[in-house]
């Protein structure tokens, strides 16, 4: 009995892990709200909350846009935001206060302790606390952490949550100071803080943490164990360095902040935006290339491939499905698109040998193909029509011919069963239903709709075997 329970105790179930994380987030959320309210007062807390909410939606929308090619589940993204806003923020406030007080007591210089804490302590503590969320997703949700784009998105949501809580604290304290001084609105500390933190640099924390996310994303597609360890640490070190440089800009004179902003932050922001767009385009190209192989084997209609590799066509397909079949049809198409992209990226990673050539490739591929086949009747026509309307198909292409463009005949049935049934099977095209089963597959001998056990496997172009 104890032997049977040992694996369960050694490796908690998904439900247990989820409950533990929810309790942790709830506890830290209540604690951080009370802590911030005590420091700012109730009026300052609500003013800071209202102002800090303004950049949250645009930042989340921007990071979600980057990940739309293969979207991560919303619960995962909301967990990252909550971790940054609650757990990471609580750790940072407690650790920074403790370190600053300790340095002030040891040196008898409170002003110097504040400067040292902001430059040397805060970047290390805050970036490490935010990186913990990325590490949890990387370890326990590896199937949703497929490359640099996912690292970009997960880091962005985590840092947006952290910046949200920090902005409440700064803006709330500024409002309380203005109330005490009786300062006018335009000359107030609140207005200056809002301009610097919300207007000029809402992307500061996301910019730092994205460097850590890119390290984790590069590790996710790396085949070497040493790189999977070193790349996240390198990204974290870069994030800490950028954060320390930003916090230390006030030491460079009266205009040090603006010099740092114009010469470092803006170019760095532009570089990361360019990198994000490039990553998105590369991911869509990988989706098109890998799904073309599945279309050639009959798993997808040829017209679906260009639609699945185009974000406008995907959006149009969902709209068409909702118009004809309601919200349920739109959700089915959205899930079909997400599963197709996940399948393509799974194969792309496995083909490049990362990590360990995707040991569970066949099982994960079978699961995704099963889900695609279940929704194909709803999603396939909508995607084909979207491809036509977006002019993604050549003029001579006829999307109504099911498999003529793929030119892949249905695999013939075995002669023994034909004789047993006394029937003569005529060659047919690849069936659209019912859902087929899978034979052994890997990235080099790809899966095909093998159908019942009486149907021969058919290898995709580029595989090791033949039809």
Protein backbone atom coordinates (compact mmCIF):
# COMPACT_ATOMS: atom_id res chain seq x y z
CA UNK A 1 0.00 0.00 0.00
CA UNK A 2 2.77 2.43 0.95
CA UNK A 3 4.59 1.60 -2.27
CA UNK A 4 1.50 2.53 -4.24
CA UNK A 5 1.13 5.82 -2.36
CA UNK A 6 4.79 6.77 -2.64
CA UNK A 7 4.59 8.15 -6.25
CA UNK A 8 1.46 10.13 -5.32
CA UNK A 9 3.14 11.67 -2.28
CA UNK A 10 6.36 12.31 -4.14
CA UNK A 11 4.62 14.02 -7.05
CA UNK A 12 1.45 15.93 -6.10
CA UNK A 13 -1.43 15.91 -8.55
CA UNK A 14 -2.38 18.89 -10.66
CA UNK A 15 -5.39 19.56 -8.44
CA UNK A 16 -3.23 19.67 -5.29
CA UNK A 17 -0.71 22.02 -6.92
CA UNK A 18 -3.52 24.28 -8.15
CA UNK A 19 -5.11 24.47 -4.71
CA UNK A 20 -1.77 25.28 -3.08
CA UNK A 21 -1.09 28.08 -5.57
CA UNK A 22 -4.60 29.53 -5.17
CA UNK A 23 -4.24 29.58 -1.38
CA UNK A 24 -0.81 31.20 -1.72
CA UNK A 25 -2.10 33.87 -4.11
CA UNK A 26 -5.14 34.56 -1.93
CA UNK A 27 -3.03 34.91 1.21
CA UNK A 28 -0.43 37.16 -0.38
CA UNK A 29 -3.14 39.18 -2.13
CA UNK A 30 -4.93 39.98 1.13
CA UNK A 31 -1.62 40.77 2.82
CA UNK A 32 -0.37 43.10 0.09
CA UNK A 33 -3.68 44.97 -0.09
CA UNK A 34 -3.66 45.58 3.65
CA UNK A 35 0.02 46.55 3.62
CA UNK A 36 -0.42 49.07 0.80
CA UNK A 37 -3.58 50.47 2.41
CA UNK A 38 -1.72 51.00 5.69
CA UNK A 39 1.09 52.88 3.94
CA UNK A 40 -1.12 55.06 1.73
CA UNK A 41 -4.28 55.39 3.79
CA UNK A 42 -7.71 54.54 2.43
CA UNK A 43 -8.15 57.66 0.22
CA UNK A 44 -4.63 57.31 -1.18
CA UNK A 45 -5.19 53.62 -1.81
CA UNK A 46 -8.29 54.14 -3.93
CA UNK A 47 -6.76 57.07 -5.86
CA UNK A 48 -3.63 55.02 -6.54
CA UNK A 49 -5.73 52.00 -7.53
CA UNK A 50 -7.75 53.98 -10.06
CA UNK A 51 -4.69 55.59 -11.66
CA UNK A 52 -2.63 52.39 -11.63
CA UNK A 53 -5.35 50.52 -13.53
CA UNK A 54 -4.99 52.73 -16.62
CA UNK A 55 -1.93 51.07 -18.26
CA UNK A 56 -2.87 47.51 -17.29
CA UNK A 57 -5.32 46.75 -20.10
CA UNK A 58 -3.12 48.14 -22.93
CA UNK A 59 -0.07 46.24 -21.67
CA UNK A 60 -1.99 42.98 -21.33
CA UNK A 61 -3.49 43.45 -24.79
CA UNK A 62 -0.03 44.05 -26.30
CA UNK A 63 1.45 40.91 -24.76
CA UNK A 64 -1.62 38.89 -25.67
CA UNK A 65 -1.26 40.09 -29.26
CA UNK A 66 2.28 38.75 -29.35
CA UNK A 67 1.14 35.33 -28.17
CA UNK A 68 -1.91 35.04 -30.43
CA UNK A 69 -0.08 32.83 -32.92
CA UNK A 70 -0.21 30.03 -30.31
CA UNK A 71 -2.15 31.52 -27.40
CA UNK A 72 -1.43 30.43 -23.85
CA UNK A 73 -4.43 29.54 -21.67
CA UNK A 74 -5.98 32.52 -19.92
CA UNK A 75 -5.79 30.84 -16.46
CA UNK A 76 -2.02 30.60 -16.86
CA UNK A 77 -1.69 34.26 -17.84
CA UNK A 78 -3.96 35.39 -15.01
CA UNK A 79 -1.88 33.33 -12.58
CA UNK A 80 1.25 35.16 -13.78
CA UNK A 81 -0.44 38.56 -13.38
CA UNK A 82 -1.68 37.63 -9.89
CA UNK A 83 1.75 36.34 -8.91
CA UNK A 84 3.36 39.62 -9.93
CA UNK A 85 0.69 41.77 -8.30
CA UNK A 86 0.44 39.79 -5.03
CA UNK A 87 3.23 37.35 -4.23
CA UNK A 88 6.16 39.05 -5.96
CA UNK A 89 5.09 42.50 -4.75
CA UNK A 90 4.75 41.29 -1.14
CA UNK A 91 8.17 39.61 -1.22
CA UNK A 92 9.73 42.75 -2.70
CA UNK A 93 8.22 45.16 -0.17
CA UNK A 94 9.14 43.04 2.85
CA UNK A 95 12.66 42.20 1.63
CA UNK A 96 13.45 45.75 0.49
CA UNK A 97 12.25 47.28 3.76
CA UNK A 98 14.20 44.76 5.82
CA UNK A 99 17.41 45.26 3.81
CA UNK A 100 17.15 49.06 3.88
CA UNK A 101 16.56 49.14 7.62
CA UNK A 102 19.46 46.77 8.20
CA UNK A 103 21.83 48.86 6.07
CA UNK A 104 20.69 52.07 7.79
CA UNK A 105 21.29 50.55 11.24
CA UNK A 106 24.70 49.23 10.21
CA UNK A 107 25.93 52.44 8.55
CA UNK A 108 23.94 55.06 10.50
CA UNK A 109 23.17 56.71 7.14
CA UNK A 110 19.47 56.40 6.22
CA UNK A 111 19.86 58.40 2.98
CA UNK A 112 22.76 56.24 1.80
CA UNK A 113 20.81 53.12 2.77
CA UNK A 114 17.89 54.19 0.57
CA UNK A 115 20.17 54.78 -2.43
CA UNK A 116 22.04 51.51 -1.94
CA UNK A 117 18.80 49.62 -1.45
CA UNK A 118 17.25 50.99 -4.66
CA UNK A 119 20.34 50.21 -6.77
CA UNK A 120 21.76 47.01 -5.27
CA UNK A 121 18.94 45.33 -3.31
CA UNK A 122 15.67 46.14 -5.07
CA UNK A 123 16.67 44.92 -8.58
CA UNK A 124 17.88 41.57 -7.24
CA UNK A 125 14.87 40.98 -4.99
CA UNK A 126 12.20 42.18 -7.41
CA UNK A 127 13.50 40.43 -10.52
CA UNK A 128 14.02 37.19 -8.59
CA UNK A 129 10.49 37.34 -7.19
CA UNK A 130 9.04 37.89 -10.66
CA UNK A 131 11.24 35.17 -12.18
CA UNK A 132 9.72 32.65 -9.75
CA UNK A 133 6.45 32.76 -11.72
CA UNK A 134 8.31 32.03 -14.96
CA UNK A 135 10.11 29.14 -13.31
CA UNK A 136 6.82 27.62 -12.10
CA UNK A 137 5.29 27.81 -15.58
CA UNK A 138 8.49 26.49 -17.16
CA UNK A 139 8.60 23.46 -14.84
CA UNK A 140 4.92 22.55 -14.42
CA UNK A 141 3.40 23.80 -17.70
CA UNK A 142 6.17 22.96 -20.12
CA UNK A 143 3.77 22.11 -22.94
CA UNK A 144 2.59 25.75 -22.90
CA UNK A 145 6.16 27.10 -22.75
CA UNK A 146 7.30 26.46 -26.29
CA UNK A 147 9.80 29.20 -27.07
CA UNK A 148 10.84 32.86 -26.76
CA UNK A 149 7.34 34.12 -27.59
CA UNK A 150 5.85 32.32 -24.58
CA UNK A 151 8.65 33.62 -22.37
CA UNK A 152 7.90 37.11 -23.65
CA UNK A 153 4.19 36.83 -22.85
CA UNK A 154 4.52 35.15 -19.44
CA UNK A 155 7.16 37.67 -18.33
CA UNK A 156 5.06 40.57 -19.60
CA UNK A 157 1.96 39.54 -17.66
CA UNK A 158 3.97 38.92 -14.48
CA UNK A 159 5.74 42.28 -14.67
CA UNK A 160 2.50 44.11 -15.51
CA UNK A 161 0.98 42.75 -12.30
CA UNK A 162 4.02 43.78 -10.28
CA UNK A 163 4.06 47.29 -11.75
CA UNK A 164 0.32 47.62 -11.02
CA UNK A 165 0.82 47.08 -7.27
CA UNK A 166 3.94 49.24 -7.17
CA UNK A 167 2.11 52.08 -8.94
CA UNK A 168 -0.69 51.94 -6.36
CA UNK A 169 1.89 52.41 -3.63
CA UNK A 170 3.75 55.29 -5.30
CA UNK A 171 0.67 57.15 -6.49
CA UNK A 172 -1.16 56.65 -3.19
CA UNK A 173 1.77 58.02 -1.18
CA UNK A 174 2.07 60.97 -3.56
CA UNK A 175 -1.64 61.77 -3.15
CA UNK A 176 -1.35 61.66 0.66
CA UNK A 177 1.64 64.03 0.51
CA UNK A 178 -0.27 66.44 -1.71
CA UNK A 179 -3.22 66.41 0.71
CA UNK A 180 -0.90 67.23 3.59
CA UNK A 181 0.83 70.05 1.68
CA UNK A 182 -2.32 71.44 0.02
CA UNK A 183 -0.63 71.39 -3.39
CA UNK A 184 -2.58 72.17 -6.57
CA UNK A 185 -3.30 69.50 -9.12
CA UNK A 186 -0.87 70.65 -11.82
CA UNK A 187 1.99 71.22 -9.38
CA UNK A 188 1.27 68.11 -7.34
CA UNK A 189 3.57 65.18 -6.69
CA UNK A 190 0.73 62.93 -7.83
CA UNK A 191 0.72 64.52 -11.29
CA UNK A 192 4.52 64.22 -11.58
CA UNK A 193 4.47 60.59 -10.42
CA UNK A 194 1.63 59.79 -12.83
CA UNK A 195 3.52 61.36 -15.73
CA UNK A 196 6.76 59.49 -15.01
CA UNK A 197 5.34 56.06 -14.12
CA UNK A 198 2.13 55.84 -16.18
CA UNK A 199 2.78 58.04 -19.22
CA UNK A 200 6.56 57.87 -19.79
CA UNK A 201 7.55 54.45 -18.49
CA UNK A 202 4.63 52.02 -18.07
CA UNK A 203 6.77 49.45 -19.88
CA UNK A 204 9.77 49.66 -17.50
CA UNK A 205 9.08 46.58 -15.37
CA UNK A 206 7.89 44.49 -18.34
CA UNK A 207 11.05 45.47 -20.24
CA UNK A 208 13.28 44.20 -17.43
CA UNK A 209 11.42 40.93 -16.84
CA UNK A 210 11.10 40.17 -20.57
CA UNK A 211 14.86 39.62 -20.59
CA UNK A 212 14.37 36.82 -18.06
CA UNK A 213 11.46 35.48 -20.13
CA UNK A 214 13.59 35.36 -23.26
CA UNK A 215 16.16 33.35 -21.32
CA UNK A 216 13.53 30.80 -20.30
CA UNK A 217 12.12 30.76 -23.84
CA UNK A 218 15.53 30.04 -25.36
CA UNK A 219 16.03 27.29 -22.76
CA UNK A 220 12.71 25.70 -23.76
CA UNK A 221 13.97 25.04 -27.31
CA UNK A 222 17.54 24.15 -26.38
CA UNK A 223 18.71 20.55 -26.58
CA UNK A 224 21.65 20.96 -24.19
CA UNK A 225 21.09 20.67 -20.46
CA UNK A 226 23.76 23.27 -19.71
CA UNK A 227 21.98 25.85 -21.86
CA UNK A 228 18.63 25.10 -20.23
CA UNK A 229 20.23 26.06 -16.92
CA UNK A 230 22.48 28.93 -17.99
CA UNK A 231 20.17 30.83 -20.36
CA UNK A 232 17.49 31.68 -17.75
CA UNK A 233 20.21 32.75 -15.31
CA UNK A 234 21.76 34.95 -17.99
CA UNK A 235 18.40 36.54 -18.74
CA UNK A 236 17.81 37.14 -15.04
CA UNK A 237 21.24 38.76 -14.65
CA UNK A 238 20.52 41.09 -17.59
CA UNK A 239 17.14 42.00 -16.10
CA UNK A 240 18.77 42.84 -12.77
CA UNK A 241 21.44 44.92 -14.50
CA UNK A 242 18.91 46.93 -16.51
CA UNK A 243 16.77 47.43 -13.43
CA UNK A 244 19.75 48.66 -11.38
CA UNK A 245 20.78 51.03 -14.18
CA UNK A 246 17.26 52.46 -14.33
CA UNK A 247 17.01 52.91 -10.56
CA UNK A 248 20.43 54.55 -10.48
CA UNK A 249 19.61 57.14 -13.14
CA UNK A 250 18.92 59.73 -10.43
CA UNK A 251 22.59 59.52 -9.44
CA UNK A 252 23.65 60.94 -12.82
CA UNK A 253 22.56 64.52 -12.07
CA UNK A 254 19.35 66.49 -12.35
CA UNK A 255 18.71 65.28 -15.88
CA UNK A 256 19.99 61.75 -15.34
CA UNK A 257 16.51 60.25 -15.58
CA UNK A 258 15.78 61.83 -18.96
CA UNK A 259 19.23 60.95 -20.31
CA UNK A 260 18.73 57.34 -19.27
CA UNK A 261 15.21 57.33 -20.68
CA UNK A 262 16.19 58.70 -24.10
CA UNK A 263 19.55 56.96 -24.52
CA UNK A 264 18.83 53.55 -22.99
CA UNK A 265 15.18 52.82 -22.28
CA UNK A 266 13.64 54.03 -25.53
CA UNK A 267 16.20 52.23 -27.79
CA UNK A 268 15.85 49.10 -25.66
CA UNK A 269 12.08 49.30 -25.91
CA UNK A 270 12.28 49.70 -29.69
CA UNK A 271 14.65 46.74 -29.94
CA UNK A 272 12.32 44.51 -27.95
CA UNK A 273 9.29 45.58 -30.01
CA UNK A 274 11.18 44.72 -33.19
CA UNK A 275 12.19 41.38 -31.68
CA UNK A 276 8.62 40.64 -30.61
CA UNK A 277 7.28 41.26 -34.14
CA UNK A 278 10.04 39.12 -35.62
CA UNK A 279 9.33 36.28 -33.19
CA UNK A 280 5.64 36.43 -34.06
CA UNK A 281 6.35 36.28 -37.81
CA UNK A 282 8.78 33.38 -37.39
CA UNK A 283 6.23 31.48 -35.35
CA UNK A 284 3.56 31.95 -38.03
CA UNK A 285 6.01 30.75 -40.70
CA UNK A 286 6.72 27.65 -38.60
CA UNK A 287 2.97 27.03 -38.29
CA UNK A 288 2.55 27.24 -42.07
CA UNK A 289 5.49 24.95 -42.81
CA UNK A 290 4.59 22.21 -40.33
CA UNK A 291 0.84 22.21 -40.99
CA UNK A 292 1.49 21.84 -44.72
CA UNK A 293 2.80 18.34 -43.97
CA UNK A 294 -0.34 17.40 -42.07
CA UNK A 295 -2.48 18.82 -44.87
CA UNK A 296 -0.59 16.70 -47.40
CA UNK A 297 -1.50 13.62 -45.35
CA UNK A 298 -5.18 14.56 -45.10
CA UNK A 299 -5.45 15.76 -41.53
CA UNK A 300 -6.23 19.30 -42.70
CA UNK A 301 -7.76 20.70 -45.86
CA UNK A 302 -5.12 22.45 -47.99
CA UNK A 303 -7.07 25.72 -47.80
CA UNK A 304 -6.86 25.71 -44.00
CA UNK A 305 -3.07 26.04 -43.88
CA UNK A 306 -2.71 29.62 -45.18
CA UNK A 307 -5.66 30.67 -43.01
CA UNK A 308 -4.10 29.17 -39.88
CA UNK A 309 -0.84 31.01 -40.66
CA UNK A 310 -2.61 34.39 -40.97
CA UNK A 311 -3.93 36.18 -37.91
CA UNK A 312 -6.50 38.27 -39.89
CA UNK A 313 -7.80 35.08 -41.50
CA UNK A 314 -8.08 33.38 -38.13
CA UNK A 315 -10.08 36.30 -36.76
CA UNK A 316 -12.31 36.30 -39.84
CA UNK A 317 -12.90 32.53 -39.52
CA UNK A 318 -14.06 32.95 -35.93
CA UNK A 319 -16.39 35.77 -36.97
CA UNK A 320 -17.83 33.67 -39.81
CA UNK A 321 -18.39 30.73 -37.48
CA UNK A 322 -20.13 32.91 -34.89
CA UNK A 323 -22.33 34.42 -37.59
CA UNK A 324 -23.49 31.02 -38.83
CA UNK A 325 -23.36 28.85 -35.70
CA UNK A 326 -23.35 31.17 -32.72
CA UNK A 327 -20.82 31.59 -29.94
CA UNK A 328 -20.28 27.85 -29.56
CA UNK A 329 -19.11 27.61 -33.17
CA UNK A 330 -16.80 30.59 -32.69
CA UNK A 331 -15.24 28.99 -29.62
CA UNK A 332 -14.80 25.73 -31.51
CA UNK A 333 -12.91 27.51 -34.29
CA UNK A 334 -10.75 29.36 -31.74
CA UNK A 335 -9.82 26.10 -30.03
CA UNK A 336 -9.16 24.47 -33.39
CA UNK A 337 -6.79 27.28 -34.33
CA UNK A 338 -4.97 27.08 -30.99
CA UNK A 339 -4.59 23.29 -31.22
CA UNK A 340 -3.36 23.46 -34.81
CA UNK A 341 -0.72 26.04 -33.86
CA UNK A 342 0.31 23.97 -30.83
CA UNK A 343 0.64 20.89 -33.04
CA UNK A 344 2.81 22.73 -35.55
CA UNK A 345 5.10 24.17 -32.87
CA UNK A 346 5.33 20.79 -31.12
CA UNK A 347 6.59 19.22 -34.33
CA UNK A 348 8.90 22.13 -35.04
CA UNK A 349 10.56 21.82 -31.62
CA UNK A 350 10.86 18.06 -31.90
CA UNK A 351 12.39 18.30 -35.35
CA UNK A 352 15.09 20.58 -33.93
CA UNK A 353 15.75 18.15 -31.08
CA UNK A 354 14.61 20.28 -28.14
CA UNK A 355 14.44 19.23 -25.47
CA UNK A 356 15.51 15.58 -25.70
CA UNK A 357 13.65 15.37 -29.00
CA UNK A 358 10.27 15.74 -27.22
CA UNK A 359 10.10 12.41 -25.42
CA UNK A 360 6.28 12.56 -25.27
CA UNK A 361 5.94 13.74 -28.87
CA UNK A 362 3.73 10.88 -30.07
CA UNK A 363 1.32 11.09 -27.14
CA UNK A 364 0.98 14.86 -27.33
CA UNK A 365 0.59 14.75 -31.11
CA UNK A 366 -2.13 12.11 -30.80
CA UNK A 367 -4.00 14.25 -28.28
CA UNK A 368 -3.88 17.36 -30.47
CA UNK A 369 -4.90 15.50 -33.62
CA UNK A 370 -7.81 13.95 -31.75
CA UNK A 371 -9.04 17.38 -30.72
CA UNK A 372 -8.56 18.77 -34.23
CA UNK A 373 -10.56 15.96 -35.77
CA UNK A 374 -13.43 16.54 -33.36
CA UNK A 375 -13.82 20.18 -34.43
CA UNK A 376 -12.83 19.90 -38.07
CA UNK A 377 -16.40 19.82 -39.39
CA UNK A 378 -17.07 23.22 -37.82
CA UNK A 379 -13.69 24.90 -38.21
CA UNK A 380 -12.58 23.62 -41.61
CA UNK A 381 -15.24 25.37 -43.77
CA UNK A 382 -14.87 28.64 -41.82
CA UNK A 383 -11.09 28.65 -42.27
CA UNK A 384 -11.33 27.75 -45.97
CA UNK A 385 -13.82 30.55 -46.57
CA UNK A 386 -11.64 32.99 -44.64
CA UNK A 387 -8.64 32.02 -46.78
CA UNK A 388 -10.66 32.80 -49.91
CA UNK A 389 -11.95 36.12 -48.57
CA UNK A 390 -8.47 37.20 -47.45
CA UNK A 391 -7.10 36.24 -50.90
CA UNK A 392 -4.56 33.83 -49.42
CA UNK A 393 -5.12 31.19 -52.11
CA UNK A 394 -3.94 31.24 -55.73
CA UNK A 395 -6.64 32.10 -58.29
CA UNK A 396 -6.73 28.59 -59.72
CA UNK A 397 -7.23 26.93 -56.32
CA UNK A 398 -10.67 25.40 -55.69
CA UNK A 399 -11.24 25.08 -51.92
CA UNK A 400 -14.41 23.02 -52.46
CA UNK A 401 -12.46 20.01 -53.73
CA UNK A 402 -11.70 18.18 -50.47
CA UNK A 403 -8.38 16.53 -51.21
CA UNK A 404 -7.56 17.13 -54.84
CA UNK A 405 -5.04 19.83 -54.04
CA UNK A 406 -3.26 17.60 -51.57
CA UNK A 407 -3.22 14.76 -54.10
CA UNK A 408 -3.02 12.19 -51.33
CA UNK A 409 -5.26 9.18 -51.96
CA UNK A 410 -6.73 7.31 -49.05
CA UNK A 411 -4.44 4.48 -47.91
CA UNK A 412 -5.72 1.19 -49.26
CA UNK A 413 -7.11 -1.50 -46.97
CA UNK A 414 -5.25 -4.72 -46.37
CA UNK A 415 -5.98 -7.53 -48.80
CA UNK A 416 -6.75 -10.05 -46.06
CA UNK A 417 -9.70 -8.12 -44.75
CA UNK A 418 -10.91 -7.40 -48.28
CA UNK A 419 -10.99 -11.14 -48.98
CA UNK A 420 -12.64 -11.80 -45.64
CA UNK A 421 -15.42 -9.37 -46.46
CA UNK A 422 -15.64 -10.42 -50.08
CA UNK A 423 -15.58 -6.83 -51.22
CA UNK A 424 -13.44 -4.95 -53.67
CA UNK A 425 -12.33 -1.63 -52.30
CA UNK A 426 -12.12 1.22 -54.77
CA UNK A 427 -9.46 3.89 -54.17
CA UNK A 428 -10.92 6.84 -52.37
CA UNK A 429 -9.71 10.12 -51.05
CA UNK A 430 -8.73 10.69 -47.43
CA UNK A 431 -11.90 10.44 -45.29
CA UNK A 432 -13.04 13.45 -43.32
CA UNK A 433 -14.71 11.36 -40.63
CA UNK A 434 -14.95 9.45 -38.38
CA UNK A 435 -11.98 10.40 -36.24
CA UNK A 436 -8.99 8.18 -37.07
CA UNK A 437 -6.57 6.51 -34.75
CA UNK A 438 -2.82 6.99 -34.92
CA UNK A 439 0.10 4.74 -35.50
CA UNK A 440 3.58 5.28 -34.12
CA UNK A 441 4.90 8.68 -35.05
CA UNK A 442 7.86 10.93 -34.42
CA UNK A 443 9.08 14.15 -36.00
CA UNK A 444 10.95 12.25 -38.72
CA UNK A 445 8.29 9.64 -39.57
CA UNK A 446 5.21 11.80 -39.17
CA UNK A 447 1.74 10.76 -38.15
CA UNK A 448 -0.98 10.27 -40.74
CA UNK A 449 -4.66 9.40 -40.53
CA UNK A 450 -4.12 5.66 -40.24
CA UNK A 451 -7.78 4.95 -39.58
CA UNK A 452 -8.71 1.50 -38.31
CA UNK A 453 -6.07 -1.15 -37.86
CA UNK A 454 -6.76 -2.42 -41.37
CA UNK A 455 -5.42 0.79 -42.97
CA UNK A 456 -1.73 1.09 -43.76
CA UNK A 457 0.21 4.01 -42.31
CA UNK A 458 1.08 6.72 -44.79
CA UNK A 459 4.30 8.67 -44.24
CA UNK A 460 4.39 12.40 -44.79
CA UNK A 461 6.86 13.94 -47.23
CA UNK A 462 10.28 14.03 -45.63
CA UNK A 463 9.69 10.93 -43.50
CA UNK A 464 11.80 7.80 -43.38
CA UNK A 465 9.29 5.36 -44.74
CA UNK A 466 7.16 5.09 -47.85
CA UNK A 467 3.54 4.59 -48.59
